[in-house]
């Protein structure tokens, strides 16, 4: 445990951020996985699930959890899957 007050505050902040980032990353993974499953099945909800995954990726970028290029690459792959 840190002895210095600023280090204690840093630990509290980083723990809050870690939990928030983990929740956001989990949501992104779940929605992207569901979108790929929908792409494989090519049902009526395919486009909606891909759109939801893209939205989750954009939100993760906004919150600083994902790098913008990573999200762009994943969105591009989803869009390619939807086009074919």
PDB file of N, CA and C in Angstrom:
ATOM      1  N   UNK A   1       0.845  -1.189   0.000  1.00  0.00           N
ATOM      2  CA  UNK A   1       0.000   0.000   0.000  1.00  0.00           C
ATOM      3  C   UNK A   1       0.881   1.238   0.000  1.00  0.00           C
ATOM      4  N   UNK A   2       0.486   2.230  -0.773  1.00  0.00           N
ATOM      5  CA  UNK A   2       1.268   3.459  -0.887  1.00  0.00           C
ATOM      6  C   UNK A   2       1.157   4.291   0.382  1.00  0.00           C
ATOM      7  N   UNK A   3       2.236   4.956   0.733  1.00  0.00           N
ATOM      8  CA  UNK A   3       2.267   5.797   1.922  1.00  0.00           C
ATOM      9  C   UNK A   3       1.977   7.257   1.610  1.00  0.00           C
ATOM     10  N   UNK A   4       2.314   7.666   0.405  1.00  0.00           N
ATOM     11  CA  UNK A   4       2.173   9.067   0.037  1.00  0.00           C
ATOM     12  C   UNK A   4       0.738   9.335  -0.399  1.00  0.00           C
ATOM     13  N   UNK A   5       0.204  10.466   0.045  1.00  0.00           N
ATOM     14  CA  UNK A   5      -1.202  10.789  -0.193  1.00  0.00           C
ATOM     15  C   UNK A   5      -1.547  10.834  -1.685  1.00  0.00           C
ATOM     16  N   UNK A   6      -0.679  11.418  -2.468  1.00  0.00           N
ATOM     17  CA  UNK A   6      -0.942  11.518  -3.906  1.00  0.00           C
ATOM     18  C   UNK A   6      -0.906  10.135  -4.556  1.00  0.00           C
ATOM     19  N   UNK A   7      -0.051   9.251  -4.051  1.00  0.00           N
ATOM     20  CA  UNK A   7       0.014   7.892  -4.593  1.00  0.00           C
ATOM     21  C   UNK A   7      -1.242   7.109  -4.217  1.00  0.00           C
ATOM     22  N   UNK A   8      -1.773   7.356  -3.035  1.00  0.00           N
ATOM     23  CA  UNK A   8      -3.020   6.707  -2.626  1.00  0.00           C
ATOM     24  C   UNK A   8      -4.174   7.151  -3.520  1.00  0.00           C
ATOM     25  N   UNK A   9      -4.198   8.447  -3.815  1.00  0.00           N
ATOM     26  CA  UNK A   9      -5.239   8.975  -4.699  1.00  0.00           C
ATOM     27  C   UNK A   9      -5.096   8.367  -6.095  1.00  0.00           C
ATOM     28  N   UNK A  10      -3.865   8.269  -6.577  1.00  0.00           N
ATOM     29  CA  UNK A  10      -3.598   7.674  -7.883  1.00  0.00           C
ATOM     30  C   UNK A  10      -4.125   6.244  -7.947  1.00  0.00           C
ATOM     31  N   UNK A  11      -3.900   5.493  -6.866  1.00  0.00           N
ATOM     32  CA  UNK A  11      -4.362   4.104  -6.824  1.00  0.00           C
ATOM     33  C   UNK A  11      -5.888   4.028  -6.888  1.00  0.00           C
ATOM     34  N   UNK A  12      -6.550   4.930  -6.167  1.00  0.00           N
ATOM     35  CA  UNK A  12      -8.011   4.962  -6.202  1.00  0.00           C
ATOM     36  C   UNK A  12      -8.511   5.298  -7.608  1.00  0.00           C
ATOM     37  N   UNK A  13      -7.874   6.285  -8.217  1.00  0.00           N
ATOM     38  CA  UNK A  13      -8.272   6.697  -9.564  1.00  0.00           C
ATOM     39  C   UNK A  13      -8.057   5.572 -10.575  1.00  0.00           C
ATOM     40  N   UNK A  14      -6.898   4.942 -10.506  1.00  0.00           N
ATOM     41  CA  UNK A  14      -6.590   3.909 -11.487  1.00  0.00           C
ATOM     42  C   UNK A  14      -7.493   2.692 -11.315  1.00  0.00           C
ATOM     43  N   UNK A  15      -7.887   2.395 -10.083  1.00  0.00           N
ATOM     44  CA  UNK A  15      -8.809   1.281  -9.851  1.00  0.00           C
ATOM     45  C   UNK A  15     -10.190   1.586 -10.447  1.00  0.00           C
ATOM     46  N   UNK A  16     -10.673   2.815 -10.256  1.00  0.00           N
ATOM     47  CA  UNK A  16     -11.952   3.213 -10.853  1.00  0.00           C
ATOM     48  C   UNK A  16     -11.899   3.125 -12.372  1.00  0.00           C
ATOM     49  N   UNK A  17     -10.805   3.607 -12.938  1.00  0.00           N
ATOM     50  CA  UNK A  17     -10.644   3.575 -14.392  1.00  0.00           C
ATOM     51  C   UNK A  17     -10.549   2.146 -14.908  1.00  0.00           C
ATOM     52  N   UNK A  18      -9.832   1.301 -14.168  1.00  0.00           N
ATOM     53  CA  UNK A  18      -9.671  -0.094 -14.577  1.00  0.00           C
ATOM     54  C   UNK A  18     -11.028  -0.788 -14.652  1.00  0.00           C
ATOM     55  N   UNK A  19     -11.861  -0.565 -13.657  1.00  0.00           N
ATOM     56  CA  UNK A  19     -13.181  -1.191 -13.639  1.00  0.00           C
ATOM     57  C   UNK A  19     -14.064  -0.660 -14.762  1.00  0.00           C
ATOM     58  N   UNK A  20     -14.001   0.661 -14.991  1.00  0.00           N
ATOM     59  CA  UNK A  20     -14.791   1.248 -16.071  1.00  0.00           C
ATOM     60  C   UNK A  20     -14.327   0.720 -17.424  1.00  0.00           C
ATOM     61  N   UNK A  21     -13.006   0.683 -17.622  1.00  0.00           N
ATOM     62  CA  UNK A  21     -12.460   0.209 -18.893  1.00  0.00           C
ATOM     63  C   UNK A  21     -12.816  -1.252 -19.134  1.00  0.00           C
ATOM     64  N   UNK A  22     -12.787  -2.054 -18.059  1.00  0.00           N
ATOM     65  CA  UNK A  22     -13.100  -3.468 -18.193  1.00  0.00           C
ATOM     66  C   UNK A  22     -14.556  -3.655 -18.636  1.00  0.00           C
ATOM     67  N   UNK A  23     -15.454  -2.871 -18.072  1.00  0.00           N
ATOM     68  CA  UNK A  23     -16.868  -2.965 -18.442  1.00  0.00           C
ATOM     69  C   UNK A  23     -17.079  -2.560 -19.897  1.00  0.00           C
ATOM     70  N   UNK A  24     -16.434  -1.493 -20.308  1.00  0.00           N
ATOM     71  CA  UNK A  24     -16.582  -1.014 -21.687  1.00  0.00           C
ATOM     72  C   UNK A  24     -16.001  -2.036 -22.658  1.00  0.00           C
ATOM     73  N   UNK A  25     -14.808  -2.559 -22.344  1.00  0.00           N
ATOM     74  CA  UNK A  25     -14.153  -3.530 -23.215  1.00  0.00           C
ATOM     75  C   UNK A  25     -14.985  -4.809 -23.329  1.00  0.00           C
ATOM     76  N   UNK A  26     -15.596  -5.207 -22.218  1.00  0.00           N
ATOM     77  CA  UNK A  26     -16.436  -6.401 -22.221  1.00  0.00           C
ATOM     78  C   UNK A  26     -17.655  -6.196 -23.122  1.00  0.00           C
ATOM     79  N   UNK A  27     -18.261  -5.015 -23.028  1.00  0.00           N
ATOM     80  CA  UNK A  27     -19.427  -4.718 -23.865  1.00  0.00           C
ATOM     81  C   UNK A  27     -19.040  -4.726 -25.346  1.00  0.00           C
ATOM     82  N   UNK A  28     -17.890  -4.165 -25.664  1.00  0.00           N
ATOM     83  CA  UNK A  28     -17.432  -4.145 -27.054  1.00  0.00           C
ATOM     84  C   UNK A  28     -17.243  -5.575 -27.557  1.00  0.00           C
ATOM     85  N   UNK A  29     -16.559  -6.392 -26.764  1.00  0.00           N
ATOM     86  CA  UNK A  29     -16.304  -7.771 -27.186  1.00  0.00           C
ATOM     87  C   UNK A  29     -17.608  -8.535 -27.401  1.00  0.00           C
ATOM     88  N   UNK A  30     -18.559  -8.347 -26.484  1.00  0.00           N
ATOM     89  CA  UNK A  30     -19.834  -9.058 -26.591  1.00  0.00           C
ATOM     90  C   UNK A  30     -20.605  -8.652 -27.840  1.00  0.00           C
ATOM     91  N   UNK A  31     -20.680  -7.347 -28.091  1.00  0.00           N
ATOM     92  CA  UNK A  31     -21.456  -6.888 -29.245  1.00  0.00           C
ATOM     93  C   UNK A  31     -20.783  -7.276 -30.563  1.00  0.00           C
ATOM     94  N   UNK A  32     -19.454  -7.215 -30.603  1.00  0.00           N
ATOM     95  CA  UNK A  32     -18.736  -7.591 -31.824  1.00  0.00           C
ATOM     96  C   UNK A  32     -18.901  -9.095 -32.080  1.00  0.00           C
ATOM     97  N   UNK A  33     -18.820  -9.881 -31.016  1.00  0.00           N
ATOM     98  CA  UNK A  33     -19.001 -11.326 -31.156  1.00  0.00           C
ATOM     99  C   UNK A  33     -20.410 -11.643 -31.659  1.00  0.00           C
ATOM    100  N   UNK A  34     -21.405 -10.950 -31.116  1.00  0.00           N
ATOM    101  CA  UNK A  34     -22.794 -11.152 -31.551  1.00  0.00           C
ATOM    102  C   UNK A  34     -22.967 -10.732 -33.008  1.00  0.00           C
ATOM    103  N   UNK A  35     -22.279  -9.663 -33.403  1.00  0.00           N
ATOM    104  CA  UNK A  35     -22.379  -9.187 -34.784  1.00  0.00           C
ATOM    105  C   UNK A  35     -21.787 -10.211 -35.754  1.00  0.00           C
ATOM    106  N   UNK A  36     -20.648 -10.800 -35.391  1.00  0.00           N
ATOM    107  CA  UNK A  36     -20.049 -11.821 -36.262  1.00  0.00           C
ATOM    108  C   UNK A  36     -20.935 -13.060 -36.334  1.00  0.00           C
ATOM    109  N   UNK A  37     -21.576 -13.401 -35.219  1.00  0.00           N
ATOM    110  CA  UNK A  37     -22.507 -14.534 -35.229  1.00  0.00           C
ATOM    111  C   UNK A  37     -23.687 -14.230 -36.149  1.00  0.00           C
ATOM    112  N   UNK A  38     -24.178 -13.006 -36.099  1.00  0.00           N
ATOM    113  CA  UNK A  38     -25.288 -12.596 -36.962  1.00  0.00           C
ATOM    114  C   UNK A  38     -24.860 -12.589 -38.425  1.00  0.00           C
ATOM    115  N   UNK A  39     -23.609 -12.186 -38.678  1.00  0.00           N
ATOM    116  CA  UNK A  39     -23.107 -12.195 -40.058  1.00  0.00           C
ATOM    117  C   UNK A  39     -23.038 -13.625 -40.592  1.00  0.00           C
ATOM    118  N   UNK A  40     -22.687 -14.557 -39.724  1.00  0.00           N
ATOM    119  CA  UNK A  40     -22.615 -15.957 -40.140  1.00  0.00           C
ATOM    120  C   UNK A  40     -23.986 -16.525 -40.450  1.00  0.00           C
ATOM    121  N   UNK A  41     -24.989 -16.078 -39.706  1.00  0.00           N
ATOM    122  CA  UNK A  41     -26.343 -16.596 -39.895  1.00  0.00           C
ATOM    123  C   UNK A  41     -27.100 -15.830 -40.980  1.00  0.00           C
ATOM    124  N   UNK A  42     -26.731 -14.574 -41.210  1.00  0.00           N
ATOM    125  CA  UNK A  42     -27.378 -13.707 -42.215  1.00  0.00           C
ATOM    126  C   UNK A  42     -28.897 -13.674 -42.033  1.00  0.00           C
ATOM    127  N   UNK A  43     -29.330 -13.258 -40.839  1.00  0.00           N
ATOM    128  CA  UNK A  43     -30.759 -13.175 -40.559  1.00  0.00           C
ATOM    129  C   UNK A  43     -31.285 -11.766 -40.753  1.00  0.00           C
ATOM    130  N   UNK A  44     -32.455 -11.525 -40.200  1.00  0.00           N
ATOM    131  CA  UNK A  44     -33.102 -10.226 -40.337  1.00  0.00           C
ATOM    132  C   UNK A  44     -32.449  -9.182 -39.445  1.00  0.00           C
ATOM    133  N   UNK A  45     -31.824  -9.616 -38.352  1.00  0.00           N
ATOM    134  CA  UNK A  45     -31.240  -8.676 -37.395  1.00  0.00           C
ATOM    135  C   UNK A  45     -29.750  -8.439 -37.625  1.00  0.00           C
ATOM    136  N   UNK A  46     -29.229  -8.916 -38.726  1.00  0.00           N
ATOM    137  CA  UNK A  46     -27.795  -8.804 -38.988  1.00  0.00           C
ATOM    138  C   UNK A  46     -27.336  -7.354 -39.018  1.00  0.00           C
ATOM    139  N   UNK A  47     -28.016  -6.539 -39.798  1.00  0.00           N
ATOM    140  CA  UNK A  47     -27.609  -5.139 -39.944  1.00  0.00           C
ATOM    141  C   UNK A  47     -27.708  -4.396 -38.612  1.00  0.00           C
ATOM    142  N   UNK A  48     -28.735  -4.679 -37.838  1.00  0.00           N
ATOM    143  CA  UNK A  48     -28.909  -4.016 -36.547  1.00  0.00           C
ATOM    144  C   UNK A  48     -27.804  -4.392 -35.574  1.00  0.00           C
ATOM    145  N   UNK A  49     -27.409  -5.654 -35.569  1.00  0.00           N
ATOM    146  CA  UNK A  49     -26.352  -6.072 -34.642  1.00  0.00           C
ATOM    147  C   UNK A  49     -24.996  -5.504 -35.054  1.00  0.00           C
ATOM    148  N   UNK A  50     -24.753  -5.390 -36.351  1.00  0.00           N
ATOM    149  CA  UNK A  50     -23.503  -4.780 -36.823  1.00  0.00           C
ATOM    150  C   UNK A  50     -23.486  -3.301 -36.453  1.00  0.00           C
ATOM    151  N   UNK A  51     -24.619  -2.639 -36.610  1.00  0.00           N
ATOM    152  CA  UNK A  51     -24.707  -1.224 -36.252  1.00  0.00           C
ATOM    153  C   UNK A  51     -24.460  -1.031 -34.753  1.00  0.00           C
ATOM    154  N   UNK A  52     -25.011  -1.922 -33.941  1.00  0.00           N
ATOM    155  CA  UNK A  52     -24.823  -1.843 -32.490  1.00  0.00           C
ATOM    156  C   UNK A  52     -23.353  -2.053 -32.121  1.00  0.00           C
ATOM    157  N   UNK A  53     -22.686  -2.981 -32.809  1.00  0.00           N
ATOM    158  CA  UNK A  53     -21.270  -3.228 -32.552  1.00  0.00           C
ATOM    159  C   UNK A  53     -20.431  -2.006 -32.926  1.00  0.00           C
ATOM    160  N   UNK A  54     -20.752  -1.393 -34.044  1.00  0.00           N
ATOM    161  CA  UNK A  54     -20.022  -0.191 -34.470  1.00  0.00           C
ATOM    162  C   UNK A  54     -20.220   0.939 -33.466  1.00  0.00           C
ATOM    163  N   UNK A  55     -21.427   1.045 -32.955  1.00  0.00           N
ATOM    164  CA  UNK A  55     -21.724   2.073 -31.954  1.00  0.00           C
ATOM    165  C   UNK A  55     -20.915   1.828 -30.680  1.00  0.00           C
ATOM    166  N   UNK A  56     -20.824   0.572 -30.251  1.00  0.00           N
ATOM    167  CA  UNK A  56     -20.046   0.239 -29.054  1.00  0.00           C
ATOM    168  C   UNK A  56     -18.567   0.544 -29.268  1.00  0.00           C
ATOM    169  N   UNK A  57     -18.065   0.269 -30.470  1.00  0.00           N
ATOM    170  CA  UNK A  57     -16.666   0.580 -30.787  1.00  0.00           C
ATOM    171  C   UNK A  57     -16.425   2.089 -30.733  1.00  0.00           C
ATOM    172  N   UNK A  58     -17.348   2.858 -31.300  1.00  0.00           N
ATOM    173  CA  UNK A  58     -17.208   4.316 -31.279  1.00  0.00           C
ATOM    174  C   UNK A  58     -17.231   4.854 -29.850  1.00  0.00           C
ATOM    175  N   UNK A  59     -18.097   4.307 -29.010  1.00  0.00           N
ATOM    176  CA  UNK A  59     -18.168   4.753 -27.624  1.00  0.00           C
ATOM    177  C   UNK A  59     -16.878   4.430 -26.875  1.00  0.00           C
ATOM    178  N   UNK A  60     -16.299   3.272 -27.161  1.00  0.00           N
ATOM    179  CA  UNK A  60     -15.048   2.888 -26.510  1.00  0.00           C
ATOM    180  C   UNK A  60     -13.923   3.843 -26.894  1.00  0.00           C
ATOM    181  N   UNK A  61     -13.933   4.296 -28.150  1.00  0.00           N
ATOM    182  CA  UNK A  61     -12.928   5.270 -28.586  1.00  0.00           C
ATOM    183  C   UNK A  61     -13.129   6.596 -27.874  1.00  0.00           C
ATOM    184  N   UNK A  62     -14.385   7.026 -27.780  1.00  0.00           N
ATOM    185  CA  UNK A  62     -14.706   8.293 -27.123  1.00  0.00           C
ATOM    186  C   UNK A  62     -14.239   8.293 -25.675  1.00  0.00           C
ATOM    187  N   UNK A  63     -14.375   7.155 -25.011  1.00  0.00           N
ATOM    188  CA  UNK A  63     -13.991   7.062 -23.603  1.00  0.00           C
ATOM    189  C   UNK A  63     -12.515   6.740 -23.417  1.00  0.00           C
ATOM    190  N   UNK A  64     -11.785   6.558 -24.514  1.00  0.00           N
ATOM    191  CA  UNK A  64     -10.344   6.346 -24.425  1.00  0.00           C
ATOM    192  C   UNK A  64      -9.941   4.922 -24.127  1.00  0.00           C
ATOM    193  N   UNK A  65     -10.850   3.975 -24.305  1.00  0.00           N
ATOM    194  CA  UNK A  65     -10.540   2.576 -24.016  1.00  0.00           C
ATOM    195  C   UNK A  65      -9.854   1.920 -25.202  1.00  0.00           C
ATOM    196  N   UNK A  66     -10.279   2.261 -26.407  1.00  0.00           N
ATOM    197  CA  UNK A  66      -9.686   1.717 -27.624  1.00  0.00           C
ATOM    198  C   UNK A  66      -9.003   2.825 -28.418  1.00  0.00           C
ATOM    199  N   UNK A  67      -7.948   2.445 -29.122  1.00  0.00           N
ATOM    200  CA  UNK A  67      -7.297   3.382 -30.031  1.00  0.00           C
ATOM    201  C   UNK A  67      -8.205   3.584 -31.243  1.00  0.00           C
ATOM    202  N   UNK A  68      -8.296   4.801 -31.761  1.00  0.00           N
ATOM    203  CA  UNK A  68      -9.195   5.064 -32.897  1.00  0.00           C
ATOM    204  C   UNK A  68      -8.940   4.165 -34.108  1.00  0.00           C
ATOM    205  N   UNK A  69      -7.673   3.883 -34.413  1.00  0.00           N
ATOM    206  CA  UNK A  69      -7.374   3.044 -35.573  1.00  0.00           C
ATOM    207  C   UNK A  69      -7.818   1.597 -35.362  1.00  0.00           C
ATOM    208  N   UNK A  70      -7.745   1.126 -34.123  1.00  0.00           N
ATOM    209  CA  UNK A  70      -8.199  -0.229 -33.812  1.00  0.00           C
ATOM    210  C   UNK A  70      -9.694  -0.337 -34.067  1.00  0.00           C
ATOM    211  N   UNK A  71     -10.435   0.645 -33.580  1.00  0.00           N
ATOM    212  CA  UNK A  71     -11.881   0.646 -33.782  1.00  0.00           C
ATOM    213  C   UNK A  71     -12.211   0.760 -35.268  1.00  0.00           C
ATOM    214  N   UNK A  72     -11.486   1.593 -35.984  1.00  0.00           N
ATOM    215  CA  UNK A  72     -11.733   1.773 -37.422  1.00  0.00           C
ATOM    216  C   UNK A  72     -11.488   0.464 -38.167  1.00  0.00           C
ATOM    217  N   UNK A  73     -10.434  -0.248 -37.785  1.00  0.00           N
ATOM    218  CA  UNK A  73     -10.119  -1.520 -38.428  1.00  0.00           C
ATOM    219  C   UNK A  73     -11.228  -2.547 -38.171  1.00  0.00           C
ATOM    220  N   UNK A  74     -11.706  -2.604 -36.941  1.00  0.00           N
ATOM    221  CA  UNK A  74     -12.763  -3.565 -36.601  1.00  0.00           C
ATOM    222  C   UNK A  74     -14.085  -3.203 -37.275  1.00  0.00           C
ATOM    223  N   UNK A  75     -14.387  -1.905 -37.344  1.00  0.00           N
ATOM    224  CA  UNK A  75     -15.606  -1.461 -38.016  1.00  0.00           C
ATOM    225  C   UNK A  75     -15.537  -1.774 -39.507  1.00  0.00           C
ATOM    226  N   UNK A  76     -14.365  -1.605 -40.091  1.00  0.00           N
ATOM    227  CA  UNK A  76     -14.189  -1.890 -41.499  1.00  0.00           C
ATOM    228  C   UNK A  76     -14.409  -3.373 -41.783  1.00  0.00           C
ATOM    229  N   UNK A  77     -13.899  -4.225 -40.913  1.00  0.00           N
ATOM    230  CA  UNK A  77     -14.075  -5.670 -41.087  1.00  0.00           C
ATOM    231  C   UNK A  77     -15.557  -6.042 -40.976  1.00  0.00           C
ATOM    232  N   UNK A  78     -16.258  -5.418 -40.037  1.00  0.00           N
ATOM    233  CA  UNK A  78     -17.700  -5.682 -39.910  1.00  0.00           C
ATOM    234  C   UNK A  78     -18.449  -5.216 -41.158  1.00  0.00           C
ATOM    235  N   UNK A  79     -18.083  -4.055 -41.664  1.00  0.00           N
ATOM    236  CA  UNK A  79     -18.748  -3.526 -42.855  1.00  0.00           C
ATOM    237  C   UNK A  79     -18.493  -4.413 -44.061  1.00  0.00           C
ATOM    238  N   UNK A  80     -17.260  -4.932 -44.186  1.00  0.00           N
ATOM    239  CA  UNK A  80     -16.946  -5.844 -45.276  1.00  0.00           C
ATOM    240  C   UNK A  80     -17.778  -7.112 -45.180  1.00  0.00           C
ATOM    241  N   UNK A  81     -17.923  -7.603 -43.958  1.00  0.00           N
ATOM    242  CA  UNK A  81     -18.736  -8.797 -43.748  1.00  0.00           C
ATOM    243  C   UNK A  81     -20.186  -8.569 -44.097  1.00  0.00           C
ATOM    244  N   UNK A  82     -20.670  -7.392 -43.815  1.00  0.00           N
ATOM    245  CA  UNK A  82     -22.060  -7.060 -44.113  1.00  0.00           C
ATOM    246  C   UNK A  82     -22.282  -6.904 -45.622  1.00  0.00           C
ATOM    247  N   UNK A  83     -21.269  -6.420 -46.320  1.00  0.00           N
ATOM    248  CA  UNK A  83     -21.394  -6.190 -47.758  1.00  0.00           C
ATOM    249  C   UNK A  83     -21.417  -7.495 -48.541  1.00  0.00           C
ATOM    250  N   UNK A  84     -20.786  -8.526 -48.008  1.00  0.00           N
ATOM    251  CA  UNK A  84     -20.689  -9.804 -48.749  1.00  0.00           C
ATOM    252  C   UNK A  84     -21.743 -10.785 -48.343  1.00  0.00           C
TER     253      UNK A  84
END
